[in-house]
Amino acid sequence: MRDARLEALELFIAKFLRYGVLIAGAVIFVGWMSQINFHRNVFEEFHVYQHMSLGDTLSFLWLQQSYGLLLAYVGLILLISLPLLRVVMTAGLFLIEKDYLMAICALLVLGGLALSIALGFEI
């Protein structure tokens, strides 16, 4: 009985990740496709590189009402958050199973992921 419940939880996590990737990919795709304009050179904006933080980029896109690119960023954020959610759900699964050593390991992995994301982004 316990194995069936564990298998059902693992199957839920697997389906959650599968549908999460599909939804995030669809959101990114819709955001990109909404930016298509065949009447101008799309690479013209990238002629000169401008270093901007993520927060500044999102604020700029909001002020420019570039909702398609904002939607693509939302999809990217969803895609990046999936591994974090996977580790959180796995830690919860270990806590439900009372496997505290593995839960601590999963929380350490979560801390490492959070730290790497925090060090990688300039917000």
PDB file of N, CA and C in Angstrom:
ATOM      1  N   MET A   1       0.826  -1.191   0.000  1.00  0.00           N
ATOM      2  CA  MET A   1       0.000   0.000   0.000  1.00  0.00           C
ATOM      3  C   MET A   1       0.872   1.258   0.000  1.00  0.00           C
ATOM      4  N   ARG A   2       1.912   1.236   0.821  1.00  0.00           N
ATOM      5  CA  ARG A   2       2.797   2.398   0.914  1.00  0.00           C
ATOM      6  C   ARG A   2       3.534   2.630  -0.398  1.00  0.00           C
ATOM      7  N   ASP A   3       3.935   1.557  -1.068  1.00  0.00           N
ATOM      8  CA  ASP A   3       4.633   1.684  -2.339  1.00  0.00           C
ATOM      9  C   ASP A   3       3.729   2.284  -3.411  1.00  0.00           C
ATOM     10  N   ALA A   4       2.450   1.954  -3.404  1.00  0.00           N
ATOM     11  CA  ALA A   4       1.512   2.502  -4.384  1.00  0.00           C
ATOM     12  C   ALA A   4       1.350   4.007  -4.180  1.00  0.00           C
ATOM     13  N   ARG A   5       1.302   4.435  -2.924  1.00  0.00           N
ATOM     14  CA  ARG A   5       1.169   5.873  -2.641  1.00  0.00           C
ATOM     15  C   ARG A   5       2.429   6.624  -3.047  1.00  0.00           C
ATOM     16  N   LEU A   6       3.585   6.035  -2.768  1.00  0.00           N
ATOM     17  CA  LEU A   6       4.860   6.636  -3.160  1.00  0.00           C
ATOM     18  C   LEU A   6       4.964   6.718  -4.680  1.00  0.00           C
ATOM     19  N   GLU A   7       4.564   5.666  -5.346  1.00  0.00           N
ATOM     20  CA  GLU A   7       4.595   5.666  -6.808  1.00  0.00           C
ATOM     21  C   GLU A   7       3.639   6.714  -7.376  1.00  0.00           C
ATOM     22  N   ALA A   8       2.477   6.885  -6.754  1.00  0.00           N
ATOM     23  CA  ALA A   8       1.517   7.888  -7.218  1.00  0.00           C
ATOM     24  C   ALA A   8       2.082   9.299  -7.041  1.00  0.00           C
ATOM     25  N   LEU A   9       2.776   9.555  -5.925  1.00  0.00           N
ATOM     26  CA  LEU A   9       3.384  10.867  -5.706  1.00  0.00           C
ATOM     27  C   LEU A   9       4.507  11.135  -6.704  1.00  0.00           C
ATOM     28  N   GLU A  10       5.327  10.116  -6.970  1.00  0.00           N
ATOM     29  CA  GLU A  10       6.399  10.278  -7.954  1.00  0.00           C
ATOM     30  C   GLU A  10       5.836  10.505  -9.352  1.00  0.00           C
ATOM     31  N   LEU A  11       4.750   9.831  -9.684  1.00  0.00           N
ATOM     32  CA  LEU A  11       4.103  10.028 -10.975  1.00  0.00           C
ATOM     33  C   LEU A  11       3.522  11.438 -11.081  1.00  0.00           C
ATOM     34  N   PHE A  12       2.966  11.939  -9.981  1.00  0.00           N
ATOM     35  CA  PHE A  12       2.451  13.309  -9.974  1.00  0.00           C
ATOM     36  C   PHE A  12       3.569  14.315 -10.237  1.00  0.00           C
ATOM     37  N   ILE A  13       4.701  14.117  -9.579  1.00  0.00           N
ATOM     38  CA  ILE A  13       5.838  15.025  -9.782  1.00  0.00           C
ATOM     39  C   ILE A  13       6.304  14.970 -11.239  1.00  0.00           C
ATOM     40  N   ALA A  14       6.389  13.779 -11.799  1.00  0.00           N
ATOM     41  CA  ALA A  14       6.835  13.635 -13.185  1.00  0.00           C
ATOM     42  C   ALA A  14       5.865  14.323 -14.150  1.00  0.00           C
ATOM     43  N   LYS A  15       4.566  14.135 -13.943  1.00  0.00           N
ATOM     44  CA  LYS A  15       3.573  14.784 -14.810  1.00  0.00           C
ATOM     45  C   LYS A  15       3.589  16.298 -14.624  1.00  0.00           C
ATOM     46  N   PHE A  16       3.760  16.735 -13.392  1.00  0.00           N
ATOM     47  CA  PHE A  16       3.828  18.170 -13.115  1.00  0.00           C
ATOM     48  C   PHE A  16       4.983  18.804 -13.885  1.00  0.00           C
ATOM     49  N   LEU A  17       6.130  18.151 -13.874  1.00  0.00           N
ATOM     50  CA  LEU A  17       7.291  18.677 -14.595  1.00  0.00           C
ATOM     51  C   LEU A  17       7.078  18.637 -16.102  1.00  0.00           C
ATOM     52  N   ARG A  18       6.505  17.562 -16.602  1.00  0.00           N
ATOM     53  CA  ARG A  18       6.264  17.451 -18.044  1.00  0.00           C
ATOM     54  C   ARG A  18       5.330  18.567 -18.518  1.00  0.00           C
ATOM     55  N   TYR A  19       4.216  18.731 -17.833  1.00  0.00           N
ATOM     56  CA  TYR A  19       3.265  19.766 -18.242  1.00  0.00           C
ATOM     57  C   TYR A  19       3.820  21.156 -17.967  1.00  0.00           C
ATOM     58  N   GLY A  20       4.624  21.300 -16.937  1.00  0.00           N
ATOM     59  CA  GLY A  20       5.249  22.590 -16.661  1.00  0.00           C
ATOM     60  C   GLY A  20       6.172  23.024 -17.782  1.00  0.00           C
ATOM     61  N   VAL A  21       6.975  22.086 -18.292  1.00  0.00           N
ATOM     62  CA  VAL A  21       7.877  22.405 -19.402  1.00  0.00           C
ATOM     63  C   VAL A  21       7.065  22.744 -20.652  1.00  0.00           C
ATOM     64  N   LEU A  22       6.010  21.980 -20.911  1.00  0.00           N
ATOM     65  CA  LEU A  22       5.186  22.262 -22.091  1.00  0.00           C
ATOM     66  C   LEU A  22       4.506  23.624 -21.988  1.00  0.00           C
ATOM     67  N   ILE A  23       3.980  23.950 -20.821  1.00  0.00           N
ATOM     68  CA  ILE A  23       3.313  25.243 -20.636  1.00  0.00           C
ATOM     69  C   ILE A  23       4.317  26.382 -20.739  1.00  0.00           C
ATOM     70  N   ALA A  24       5.471  26.236 -20.093  1.00  0.00           N
ATOM     71  CA  ALA A  24       6.496  27.285 -20.165  1.00  0.00           C
ATOM     72  C   ALA A  24       6.960  27.477 -21.604  1.00  0.00           C
ATOM     73  N   GLY A  25       7.169  26.392 -22.322  1.00  0.00           N
ATOM     74  CA  GLY A  25       7.569  26.490 -23.722  1.00  0.00           C
ATOM     75  C   GLY A  25       6.502  27.170 -24.570  1.00  0.00           C
ATOM     76  N   ALA A  26       5.240  26.857 -24.314  1.00  0.00           N
ATOM     77  CA  ALA A  26       4.155  27.487 -25.066  1.00  0.00           C
ATOM     78  C   ALA A  26       4.082  28.980 -24.773  1.00  0.00           C
ATOM     79  N   VAL A  27       4.281  29.364 -23.521  1.00  0.00           N
ATOM     80  CA  VAL A  27       4.250  30.785 -23.156  1.00  0.00           C
ATOM     81  C   VAL A  27       5.402  31.530 -23.833  1.00  0.00           C
ATOM     82  N   ILE A  28       6.597  30.938 -23.818  1.00  0.00           N
ATOM     83  CA  ILE A  28       7.745  31.560 -24.495  1.00  0.00           C
ATOM     84  C   ILE A  28       7.469  31.678 -25.990  1.00  0.00           C
ATOM     85  N   PHE A  29       6.935  30.627 -26.597  1.00  0.00           N
ATOM     86  CA  PHE A  29       6.652  30.627 -28.029  1.00  0.00           C
ATOM     87  C   PHE A  29       5.638  31.716 -28.392  1.00  0.00           C
ATOM     88  N   VAL A  30       4.573  31.814 -27.615  1.00  0.00           N
ATOM     89  CA  VAL A  30       3.560  32.846 -27.885  1.00  0.00           C
ATOM     90  C   VAL A  30       4.176  34.233 -27.735  1.00  0.00           C
ATOM     91  N   GLY A  31       5.005  34.425 -26.720  1.00  0.00           N
ATOM     92  CA  GLY A  31       5.667  35.718 -26.536  1.00  0.00           C
ATOM     93  C   GLY A  31       6.565  36.068 -27.706  1.00  0.00           C
ATOM     94  N   TRP A  32       7.328  35.096 -28.177  1.00  0.00           N
ATOM     95  CA  TRP A  32       8.218  35.345 -29.320  1.00  0.00           C
ATOM     96  C   TRP A  32       7.426  35.601 -30.596  1.00  0.00           C
ATOM     97  N   MET A  33       6.400  34.803 -30.833  1.00  0.00           N
ATOM     98  CA  MET A  33       5.630  34.948 -32.069  1.00  0.00           C
ATOM     99  C   MET A  33       4.879  36.278 -32.111  1.00  0.00           C
ATOM    100  N   SER A  34       4.527  36.802 -30.953  1.00  0.00           N
ATOM    101  CA  SER A  34       3.828  38.092 -30.945  1.00  0.00           C
ATOM    102  C   SER A  34       4.767  39.241 -31.305  1.00  0.00           C
ATOM    103  N   GLN A  35       6.058  38.988 -31.314  1.00  0.00           N
ATOM    104  CA  GLN A  35       7.032  40.030 -31.636  1.00  0.00           C
ATOM    105  C   GLN A  35       7.417  40.062 -33.111  1.00  0.00           C
ATOM    106  N   ILE A  36       6.899  39.115 -33.878  1.00  0.00           N
ATOM    107  CA  ILE A  36       7.271  39.056 -35.292  1.00  0.00           C
ATOM    108  C   ILE A  36       6.701  40.271 -36.017  1.00  0.00           C
ATOM    109  N   ASN A  37       7.576  40.957 -36.731  1.00  0.00           N
ATOM    110  CA  ASN A  37       7.191  42.094 -37.549  1.00  0.00           C
ATOM    111  C   ASN A  37       8.009  42.009 -38.836  1.00  0.00           C
ATOM    112  N   PHE A  38       7.344  41.738 -39.927  1.00  0.00           N
ATOM    113  CA  PHE A  38       8.038  41.534 -41.189  1.00  0.00           C
ATOM    114  C   PHE A  38       8.378  42.841 -41.898  1.00  0.00           C
ATOM    115  N   HIS A  39       8.022  43.975 -41.304  1.00  0.00           N
ATOM    116  CA  HIS A  39       8.229  45.270 -41.947  1.00  0.00           C
ATOM    117  C   HIS A  39       9.440  46.026 -41.419  1.00  0.00           C
ATOM    118  N   ARG A  40      10.225  45.388 -40.548  1.00  0.00           N
ATOM    119  CA  ARG A  40      11.428  46.053 -40.048  1.00  0.00           C
ATOM    120  C   ARG A  40      12.498  45.004 -39.783  1.00  0.00           C
ATOM    121  N   ASN A  41      13.720  45.462 -39.632  1.00  0.00           N
ATOM    122  CA  ASN A  41      14.845  44.583 -39.347  1.00  0.00           C
ATOM    123  C   ASN A  41      14.847  44.285 -37.847  1.00  0.00           C
ATOM    124  N   VAL A  42      14.622  43.024 -37.484  1.00  0.00           N
ATOM    125  CA  VAL A  42      14.528  42.669 -36.069  1.00  0.00           C
ATOM    126  C   VAL A  42      15.878  42.752 -35.362  1.00  0.00           C
ATOM    127  N   PHE A  43      16.976  42.720 -36.115  1.00  0.00           N
ATOM    128  CA  PHE A  43      18.299  42.767 -35.501  1.00  0.00           C
ATOM    129  C   PHE A  43      18.801  44.198 -35.317  1.00  0.00           C
ATOM    130  N   GLU A  44      18.047  45.157 -35.789  1.00  0.00           N
ATOM    131  CA  GLU A  44      18.458  46.553 -35.690  1.00  0.00           C
ATOM    132  C   GLU A  44      18.609  46.994 -34.232  1.00  0.00           C
ATOM    133  N   GLU A  45      17.758  46.471 -33.359  1.00  0.00           N
ATOM    134  CA  GLU A  45      17.814  46.839 -31.942  1.00  0.00           C
ATOM    135  C   GLU A  45      19.092  46.338 -31.275  1.00  0.00           C
ATOM    136  N   PHE A  46      19.710  45.312 -31.840  1.00  0.00           N
ATOM    137  CA  PHE A  46      20.864  44.684 -31.225  1.00  0.00           C
ATOM    138  C   PHE A  46      22.181  45.163 -31.836  1.00  0.00           C
ATOM    139  N   HIS A  47      22.127  46.269 -32.549  1.00  0.00           N
ATOM    140  CA  HIS A  47      23.327  46.811 -33.191  1.00  0.00           C
ATOM    141  C   HIS A  47      24.375  47.212 -32.149  1.00  0.00           C
ATOM    142  N   VAL A  48      23.933  47.774 -31.056  1.00  0.00           N
ATOM    143  CA  VAL A  48      24.822  48.175 -29.967  1.00  0.00           C
ATOM    144  C   VAL A  48      24.345  47.472 -28.700  1.00  0.00           C
ATOM    145  N   TYR A  49      25.267  46.781 -28.028  1.00  0.00           N
ATOM    146  CA  TYR A  49      24.930  46.074 -26.794  1.00  0.00           C
ATOM    147  C   TYR A  49      24.784  47.069 -25.652  1.00  0.00           C
ATOM    148  N   GLN A  50      23.708  46.933 -24.910  1.00  0.00           N
ATOM    149  CA  GLN A  50      23.486  47.760 -23.729  1.00  0.00           C
ATOM    150  C   GLN A  50      23.308  46.839 -22.534  1.00  0.00           C
ATOM    151  N   HIS A  51      24.196  46.988 -21.558  1.00  0.00           N
ATOM    152  CA  HIS A  51      24.112  46.163 -20.356  1.00  0.00           C
ATOM    153  C   HIS A  51      22.992  46.686 -19.465  1.00  0.00           C
ATOM    154  N   MET A  52      21.995  45.841 -19.199  1.00  0.00           N
ATOM    155  CA  MET A  52      20.876  46.209 -18.330  1.00  0.00           C
ATOM    156  C   MET A  52      20.601  45.048 -17.387  1.00  0.00           C
ATOM    157  N   SER A  53      20.269  45.368 -16.148  1.00  0.00           N
ATOM    158  CA  SER A  53      19.903  44.320 -15.205  1.00  0.00           C
ATOM    159  C   SER A  53      18.531  43.771 -15.577  1.00  0.00           C
ATOM    160  N   LEU A  54      18.173  42.647 -14.992  1.00  0.00           N
ATOM    161  CA  LEU A  54      16.889  42.029 -15.278  1.00  0.00           C
ATOM    162  C   LEU A  54      15.744  42.959 -14.886  1.00  0.00           C
ATOM    163  N   GLY A  55      15.861  43.575 -13.715  1.00  0.00           N
ATOM    164  CA  GLY A  55      14.819  44.493 -13.273  1.00  0.00           C
ATOM    165  C   GLY A  55      14.644  45.675 -14.205  1.00  0.00           C
ATOM    166  N   ASP A  56      15.775  46.235 -14.653  1.00  0.00           N
ATOM    167  CA  ASP A  56      15.708  47.356 -15.596  1.00  0.00           C
ATOM    168  C   ASP A  56      15.110  46.917 -16.929  1.00  0.00           C
ATOM    169  N   THR A  57      15.471  45.737 -17.380  1.00  0.00           N
ATOM    170  CA  THR A  57      14.939  45.222 -18.641  1.00  0.00           C
ATOM    171  C   THR A  57      13.431  45.057 -18.562  1.00  0.00           C
ATOM    172  N   LEU A  58      12.957  44.452 -17.469  1.00  0.00           N
ATOM    173  CA  LEU A  58      11.514  44.245 -17.321  1.00  0.00           C
ATOM    174  C   LEU A  58      10.778  45.575 -17.199  1.00  0.00           C
ATOM    175  N   SER A  59      11.348  46.536 -16.468  1.00  0.00           N
ATOM    176  CA  SER A  59      10.735  47.862 -16.362  1.00  0.00           C
ATOM    177  C   SER A  59      10.684  48.543 -17.722  1.00  0.00           C
ATOM    178  N   PHE A  60      11.766  48.443 -18.477  1.00  0.00           N
ATOM    179  CA  PHE A  60      11.818  49.053 -19.805  1.00  0.00           C
ATOM    180  C   PHE A  60      10.764  48.427 -20.724  1.00  0.00           C
ATOM    181  N   LEU A  61      10.662  47.105 -20.701  1.00  0.00           N
ATOM    182  CA  LEU A  61       9.673  46.439 -21.543  1.00  0.00           C
ATOM    183  C   LEU A  61       8.254  46.821 -21.139  1.00  0.00           C
ATOM    184  N   TRP A  62       8.016  46.981 -19.847  1.00  0.00           N
ATOM    185  CA  TRP A  62       6.690  47.387 -19.367  1.00  0.00           C
ATOM    186  C   TRP A  62       6.367  48.800 -19.847  1.00  0.00           C
ATOM    187  N   LEU A  63       7.324  49.713 -19.735  1.00  0.00           N
ATOM    188  CA  LEU A  63       7.093  51.087 -20.180  1.00  0.00           C
ATOM    189  C   LEU A  63       6.903  51.165 -21.696  1.00  0.00           C
ATOM    190  N   GLN A  64       7.589  50.310 -22.439  1.00  0.00           N
ATOM    191  CA  GLN A  64       7.458  50.280 -23.892  1.00  0.00           C
ATOM    192  C   GLN A  64       6.220  49.494 -24.341  1.00  0.00           C
ATOM    193  N   GLN A  65       5.501  48.952 -23.399  1.00  0.00           N
ATOM    194  CA  GLN A  65       4.320  48.118 -23.652  1.00  0.00           C
ATOM    195  C   GLN A  65       4.643  46.959 -24.588  1.00  0.00           C
ATOM    196  N   SER A  66       5.787  46.362 -24.372  1.00  0.00           N
ATOM    197  CA  SER A  66       6.225  45.209 -25.147  1.00  0.00           C
ATOM    198  C   SER A  66       5.783  43.938 -24.415  1.00  0.00           C
ATOM    199  N   TYR A  67       4.487  43.699 -24.463  1.00  0.00           N
ATOM    200  CA  TYR A  67       3.909  42.606 -23.677  1.00  0.00           C
ATOM    201  C   TYR A  67       4.311  41.233 -24.194  1.00  0.00           C
ATOM    202  N   GLY A  68       4.638  41.136 -25.469  1.00  0.00           N
ATOM    203  CA  GLY A  68       5.091  39.854 -25.997  1.00  0.00           C
ATOM    204  C   GLY A  68       6.407  39.418 -25.391  1.00  0.00           C
ATOM    205  N   LEU A  69       7.359  40.343 -25.309  1.00  0.00           N
ATOM    206  CA  LEU A  69       8.643  39.998 -24.681  1.00  0.00           C
ATOM    207  C   LEU A  69       8.478  39.768 -23.184  1.00  0.00           C
ATOM    208  N   LEU A  70       7.594  40.526 -22.553  1.00  0.00           N
ATOM    209  CA  LEU A  70       7.326  40.271 -21.135  1.00  0.00           C
ATOM    210  C   LEU A  70       6.748  38.872 -20.945  1.00  0.00           C
ATOM    211  N   LEU A  71       5.878  38.458 -21.856  1.00  0.00           N
ATOM    212  CA  LEU A  71       5.314  37.114 -21.794  1.00  0.00           C
ATOM    213  C   LEU A  71       6.406  36.063 -21.977  1.00  0.00           C
ATOM    214  N   ALA A  72       7.351  36.330 -22.881  1.00  0.00           N
ATOM    215  CA  ALA A  72       8.469  35.399 -23.071  1.00  0.00           C
ATOM    216  C   ALA A  72       9.313  35.309 -21.794  1.00  0.00           C
ATOM    217  N   TYR A  73       9.524  36.439 -21.125  1.00  0.00           N
ATOM    218  CA  TYR A  73      10.264  36.416 -19.856  1.00  0.00           C
ATOM    219  C   TYR A  73       9.499  35.629 -18.793  1.00  0.00           C
ATOM    220  N   VAL A  74       8.184  35.765 -18.759  1.00  0.00           N
ATOM    221  CA  VAL A  74       7.378  34.987 -17.806  1.00  0.00           C
ATOM    222  C   VAL A  74       7.560  33.492 -18.067  1.00  0.00           C
ATOM    223  N   GLY A  75       7.528  33.107 -19.335  1.00  0.00           N
ATOM    224  CA  GLY A  75       7.749  31.702 -19.673  1.00  0.00           C
ATOM    225  C   GLY A  75       9.127  31.223 -19.276  1.00  0.00           C
ATOM    226  N   LEU A  76      10.123  32.077 -19.461  1.00  0.00           N
ATOM    227  CA  LEU A  76      11.485  31.720 -19.066  1.00  0.00           C
ATOM    228  C   LEU A  76      11.600  31.568 -17.553  1.00  0.00           C
ATOM    229  N   ILE A  77      10.948  32.455 -16.823  1.00  0.00           N
ATOM    230  CA  ILE A  77      10.952  32.361 -15.359  1.00  0.00           C
ATOM    231  C   ILE A  77      10.251  31.077 -14.910  1.00  0.00           C
ATOM    232  N   LEU A  78       9.150  30.729 -15.579  1.00  0.00           N
ATOM    233  CA  LEU A  78       8.480  29.459 -15.277  1.00  0.00           C
ATOM    234  C   LEU A  78       9.402  28.275 -15.529  1.00  0.00           C
ATOM    235  N   LEU A  79      10.103  28.314 -16.646  1.00  0.00           N
ATOM    236  CA  LEU A  79      11.013  27.218 -16.998  1.00  0.00           C
ATOM    237  C   LEU A  79      12.154  27.097 -15.993  1.00  0.00           C
ATOM    238  N   ILE A  80      12.686  28.221 -15.549  1.00  0.00           N
ATOM    239  CA  ILE A  80      13.776  28.207 -14.573  1.00  0.00           C
ATOM    240  C   ILE A  80      13.284  27.732 -13.210  1.00  0.00           C
ATOM    241  N   SER A  81      12.035  28.026 -12.878  1.00  0.00           N
ATOM    242  CA  SER A  81      11.526  27.657 -11.557  1.00  0.00           C
ATOM    243  C   SER A  81      11.191  26.170 -11.441  1.00  0.00           C
ATOM    244  N   LEU A  82      11.066  25.467 -12.558  1.00  0.00           N
ATOM    245  CA  LEU A  82      10.703  24.050 -12.493  1.00  0.00           C
ATOM    246  C   LEU A  82      11.711  23.182 -11.735  1.00  0.00           C
ATOM    247  N   PRO A  83      13.025  23.320 -11.952  1.00  0.00           N
ATOM    248  CA  PRO A  83      13.951  22.509 -11.142  1.00  0.00           C
ATOM    249  C   PRO A  83      13.852  22.826  -9.647  1.00  0.00           C
ATOM    250  N   LEU A  84      13.610  24.093  -9.328  1.00  0.00           N
ATOM    251  CA  LEU A  84      13.440  24.446  -7.914  1.00  0.00           C
ATOM    252  C   LEU A  84      12.213  23.755  -7.329  1.00  0.00           C
ATOM    253  N   LEU A  85      11.110  23.794  -8.079  1.00  0.00           N
ATOM    254  CA  LEU A  85       9.891  23.138  -7.605  1.00  0.00           C
ATOM    255  C   LEU A  85      10.077  21.632  -7.494  1.00  0.00           C
ATOM    256  N   ARG A  86      10.851  21.060  -8.402  1.00  0.00           N
ATOM    257  CA  ARG A  86      11.126  19.622  -8.363  1.00  0.00           C
ATOM    258  C   ARG A  86      11.846  19.239  -7.074  1.00  0.00           C
ATOM    259  N   VAL A  87      12.836  20.029  -6.704  1.00  0.00           N
ATOM    260  CA  VAL A  87      13.588  19.733  -5.488  1.00  0.00           C
ATOM    261  C   VAL A  87      12.706  19.942  -4.255  1.00  0.00           C
ATOM    262  N   VAL A  88      11.875  20.980  -4.267  1.00  0.00           N
ATOM    263  CA  VAL A  88      10.964  21.224  -3.135  1.00  0.00           C
ATOM    264  C   VAL A  88       9.984  20.060  -2.990  1.00  0.00           C
ATOM    265  N   MET A  89       9.405  19.614  -4.112  1.00  0.00           N
ATOM    266  CA  MET A  89       8.456  18.496  -4.040  1.00  0.00           C
ATOM    267  C   MET A  89       9.142  17.201  -3.624  1.00  0.00           C
ATOM    268  N   THR A  90      10.368  17.000  -4.070  1.00  0.00           N
ATOM    269  CA  THR A  90      11.103  15.802  -3.671  1.00  0.00           C
ATOM    270  C   THR A  90      11.416  15.845  -2.178  1.00  0.00           C
ATOM    271  N   ALA A  91      11.802  17.017  -1.671  1.00  0.00           N
ATOM    272  CA  ALA A  91      12.044  17.145  -0.228  1.00  0.00           C
ATOM    273  C   ALA A  91      10.757  16.854   0.549  1.00  0.00           C
ATOM    274  N   GLY A  92       9.641  17.366   0.048  1.00  0.00           N
ATOM    275  CA  GLY A  92       8.355  17.065   0.692  1.00  0.00           C
ATOM    276  C   GLY A  92       8.035  15.587   0.665  1.00  0.00           C
ATOM    277  N   LEU A  93       8.351  14.950  -0.448  1.00  0.00           N
ATOM    278  CA  LEU A  93       8.124  13.511  -0.567  1.00  0.00           C
ATOM    279  C   LEU A  93       8.968  12.747   0.452  1.00  0.00           C
ATOM    280  N   PHE A  94      10.217  13.157   0.614  1.00  0.00           N
ATOM    281  CA  PHE A  94      11.076  12.512   1.605  1.00  0.00           C
ATOM    282  C   PHE A  94      10.577  12.761   3.022  1.00  0.00           C
ATOM    283  N   LEU A  95      10.051  13.952   3.274  1.00  0.00           N
ATOM    284  CA  LEU A  95       9.498  14.233   4.604  1.00  0.00           C
ATOM    285  C   LEU A  95       8.253  13.387   4.874  1.00  0.00           C
ATOM    286  N   ILE A  96       7.418  13.208   3.864  1.00  0.00           N
ATOM    287  CA  ILE A  96       6.233  12.357   4.024  1.00  0.00           C
ATOM    288  C   ILE A  96       6.642  10.930   4.335  1.00  0.00           C
ATOM    289  N   GLU A  97       7.696  10.473   3.686  1.00  0.00           N
ATOM    290  CA  GLU A  97       8.194   9.109   3.901  1.00  0.00           C
ATOM    291  C   GLU A  97       9.069   8.995   5.147  1.00  0.00           C
ATOM    292  N   LYS A  98       9.266  10.111   5.849  1.00  0.00           N
ATOM    293  CA  LYS A  98      10.074  10.163   7.083  1.00  0.00           C
ATOM    294  C   LYS A  98      11.533   9.755   6.839  1.00  0.00           C
ATOM    295  N   ASP A  99      12.017  10.064   5.649  1.00  0.00           N
ATOM    296  CA  ASP A  99      13.421   9.850   5.315  1.00  0.00           C
ATOM    297  C   ASP A  99      14.124  11.204   5.469  1.00  0.00           C
ATOM    298  N   TYR A 100      14.467  11.528   6.720  1.00  0.00           N
ATOM    299  CA  TYR A 100      14.932  12.872   7.048  1.00  0.00           C
ATOM    300  C   TYR A 100      16.316  13.171   6.476  1.00  0.00           C
ATOM    301  N   LEU A 101      17.168  12.177   6.362  1.00  0.00           N
ATOM    302  CA  LEU A 101      18.494  12.398   5.795  1.00  0.00           C
ATOM    303  C   LEU A 101      18.385  12.835   4.327  1.00  0.00           C
ATOM    304  N   MET A 102      17.536  12.156   3.568  1.00  0.00           N
ATOM    305  CA  MET A 102      17.356  12.531   2.161  1.00  0.00           C
ATOM    306  C   MET A 102      16.643  13.875   2.033  1.00  0.00           C
ATOM    307  N   ALA A 103      15.756  14.182   2.963  1.00  0.00           N
ATOM    308  CA  ALA A 103      15.084  15.487   2.943  1.00  0.00           C
ATOM    309  C   ALA A 103      16.095  16.603   3.182  1.00  0.00           C
ATOM    310  N   ILE A 104      17.025  16.380   4.095  1.00  0.00           N
ATOM    311  CA  ILE A 104      18.075  17.375   4.351  1.00  0.00           C
ATOM    312  C   ILE A 104      18.956  17.526   3.116  1.00  0.00           C
ATOM    313  N   CYS A 105      19.284  16.412   2.470  1.00  0.00           N
ATOM    314  CA  CYS A 105      20.083  16.484   1.235  1.00  0.00           C
ATOM    315  C   CYS A 105      19.348  17.268   0.158  1.00  0.00           C
ATOM    316  N   ALA A 106      18.049  17.032   0.021  1.00  0.00           N
ATOM    317  CA  ALA A 106      17.262  17.764  -0.976  1.00  0.00           C
ATOM    318  C   ALA A 106      17.215  19.253  -0.632  1.00  0.00           C
ATOM    319  N   LEU A 107      17.109  19.585   0.627  1.00  0.00           N
ATOM    320  CA  LEU A 107      17.103  20.997   1.025  1.00  0.00           C
ATOM    321  C   LEU A 107      18.467  21.646   0.799  1.00  0.00           C
ATOM    322  N   LEU A 108      19.542  20.880   0.963  1.00  0.00           N
ATOM    323  CA  LEU A 108      20.871  21.401   0.644  1.00  0.00           C
ATOM    324  C   LEU A 108      21.007  21.660  -0.861  1.00  0.00           C
ATOM    325  N   VAL A 109      20.465  20.756  -1.665  1.00  0.00           N
ATOM    326  CA  VAL A 109      20.467  20.971  -3.113  1.00  0.00           C
ATOM    327  C   VAL A 109      19.653  22.216  -3.457  1.00  0.00           C
ATOM    328  N   LEU A 110      18.523  22.379  -2.794  1.00  0.00           N
ATOM    329  CA  LEU A 110      17.695  23.568  -3.008  1.00  0.00           C
ATOM    330  C   LEU A 110      18.457  24.838  -2.658  1.00  0.00           C
ATOM    331  N   GLY A 111      19.189  24.800  -1.558  1.00  0.00           N
ATOM    332  CA  GLY A 111      20.012  25.951  -1.189  1.00  0.00           C
ATOM    333  C   GLY A 111      21.083  26.245  -2.222  1.00  0.00           C
ATOM    334  N   GLY A 112      21.705  25.184  -2.745  1.00  0.00           N
ATOM    335  CA  GLY A 112      22.712  25.366  -3.793  1.00  0.00           C
ATOM    336  C   GLY A 112      22.116  25.954  -5.067  1.00  0.00           C
ATOM    337  N   LEU A 113      20.933  25.479  -5.453  1.00  0.00           N
ATOM    338  CA  LEU A 113      20.259  26.037  -6.633  1.00  0.00           C
ATOM    339  C   LEU A 113      19.895  27.504  -6.419  1.00  0.00           C
ATOM    340  N   ALA A 114      19.349  27.805  -5.251  1.00  0.00           N
ATOM    341  CA  ALA A 114      18.966  29.192  -4.957  1.00  0.00           C
ATOM    342  C   ALA A 114      20.189  30.098  -4.952  1.00  0.00           C
ATOM    343  N   LEU A 115      21.288  29.621  -4.380  1.00  0.00           N
ATOM    344  CA  LEU A 115      22.510  30.417  -4.341  1.00  0.00           C
ATOM    345  C   LEU A 115      23.062  30.644  -5.749  1.00  0.00           C
ATOM    346  N   SER A 116      23.053  29.605  -6.581  1.00  0.00           N
ATOM    347  CA  SER A 116      23.574  29.766  -7.936  1.00  0.00           C
ATOM    348  C   SER A 116      22.713  30.723  -8.748  1.00  0.00           C
ATOM    349  N   ILE A 117      21.413  30.686  -8.547  1.00  0.00           N
ATOM    350  CA  ILE A 117      20.537  31.623  -9.250  1.00  0.00           C
ATOM    351  C   ILE A 117      20.762  33.038  -8.737  1.00  0.00           C
ATOM    352  N   ALA A 118      20.890  33.174  -7.423  1.00  0.00           N
ATOM    353  CA  ALA A 118      21.102  34.491  -6.844  1.00  0.00           C
ATOM    354  C   ALA A 118      22.426  35.104  -7.294  1.00  0.00           C
ATOM    355  N   LEU A 119      23.456  34.290  -7.412  1.00  0.00           N
ATOM    356  CA  LEU A 119      24.761  34.805  -7.841  1.00  0.00           C
ATOM    357  C   LEU A 119      24.812  35.053  -9.347  1.00  0.00           C
ATOM    358  N   GLY A 120      23.947  34.380 -10.089  1.00  0.00           N
ATOM    359  CA  GLY A 120      23.956  34.502 -11.541  1.00  0.00           C
ATOM    360  C   GLY A 120      23.159  35.674 -12.073  1.00  0.00           C
ATOM    361  N   PHE A 121      22.224  36.177 -11.293  1.00  0.00           N
ATOM    362  CA  PHE A 121      21.364  37.259 -11.745  1.00  0.00           C
ATOM    363  C   PHE A 121      21.773  38.583 -11.129  1.00  0.00           C
ATOM    364  N   GLU A 122      21.746  39.589 -11.931  1.00  0.00           N
ATOM    365  CA  GLU A 122      21.915  40.945 -11.430  1.00  0.00           C
ATOM    366  C   GLU A 122      20.544  41.598 -11.546  1.00  0.00           C
ATOM    367  N   ILE A 123      19.903  41.733 -10.415  1.00  0.00           N
ATOM    368  CA  ILE A 123      18.514  42.227 -10.430  1.00  0.00           C
ATOM    369  C   ILE A 123      18.469  43.714 -10.198  1.00  0.00           C
TER     370      ILE A 123
END
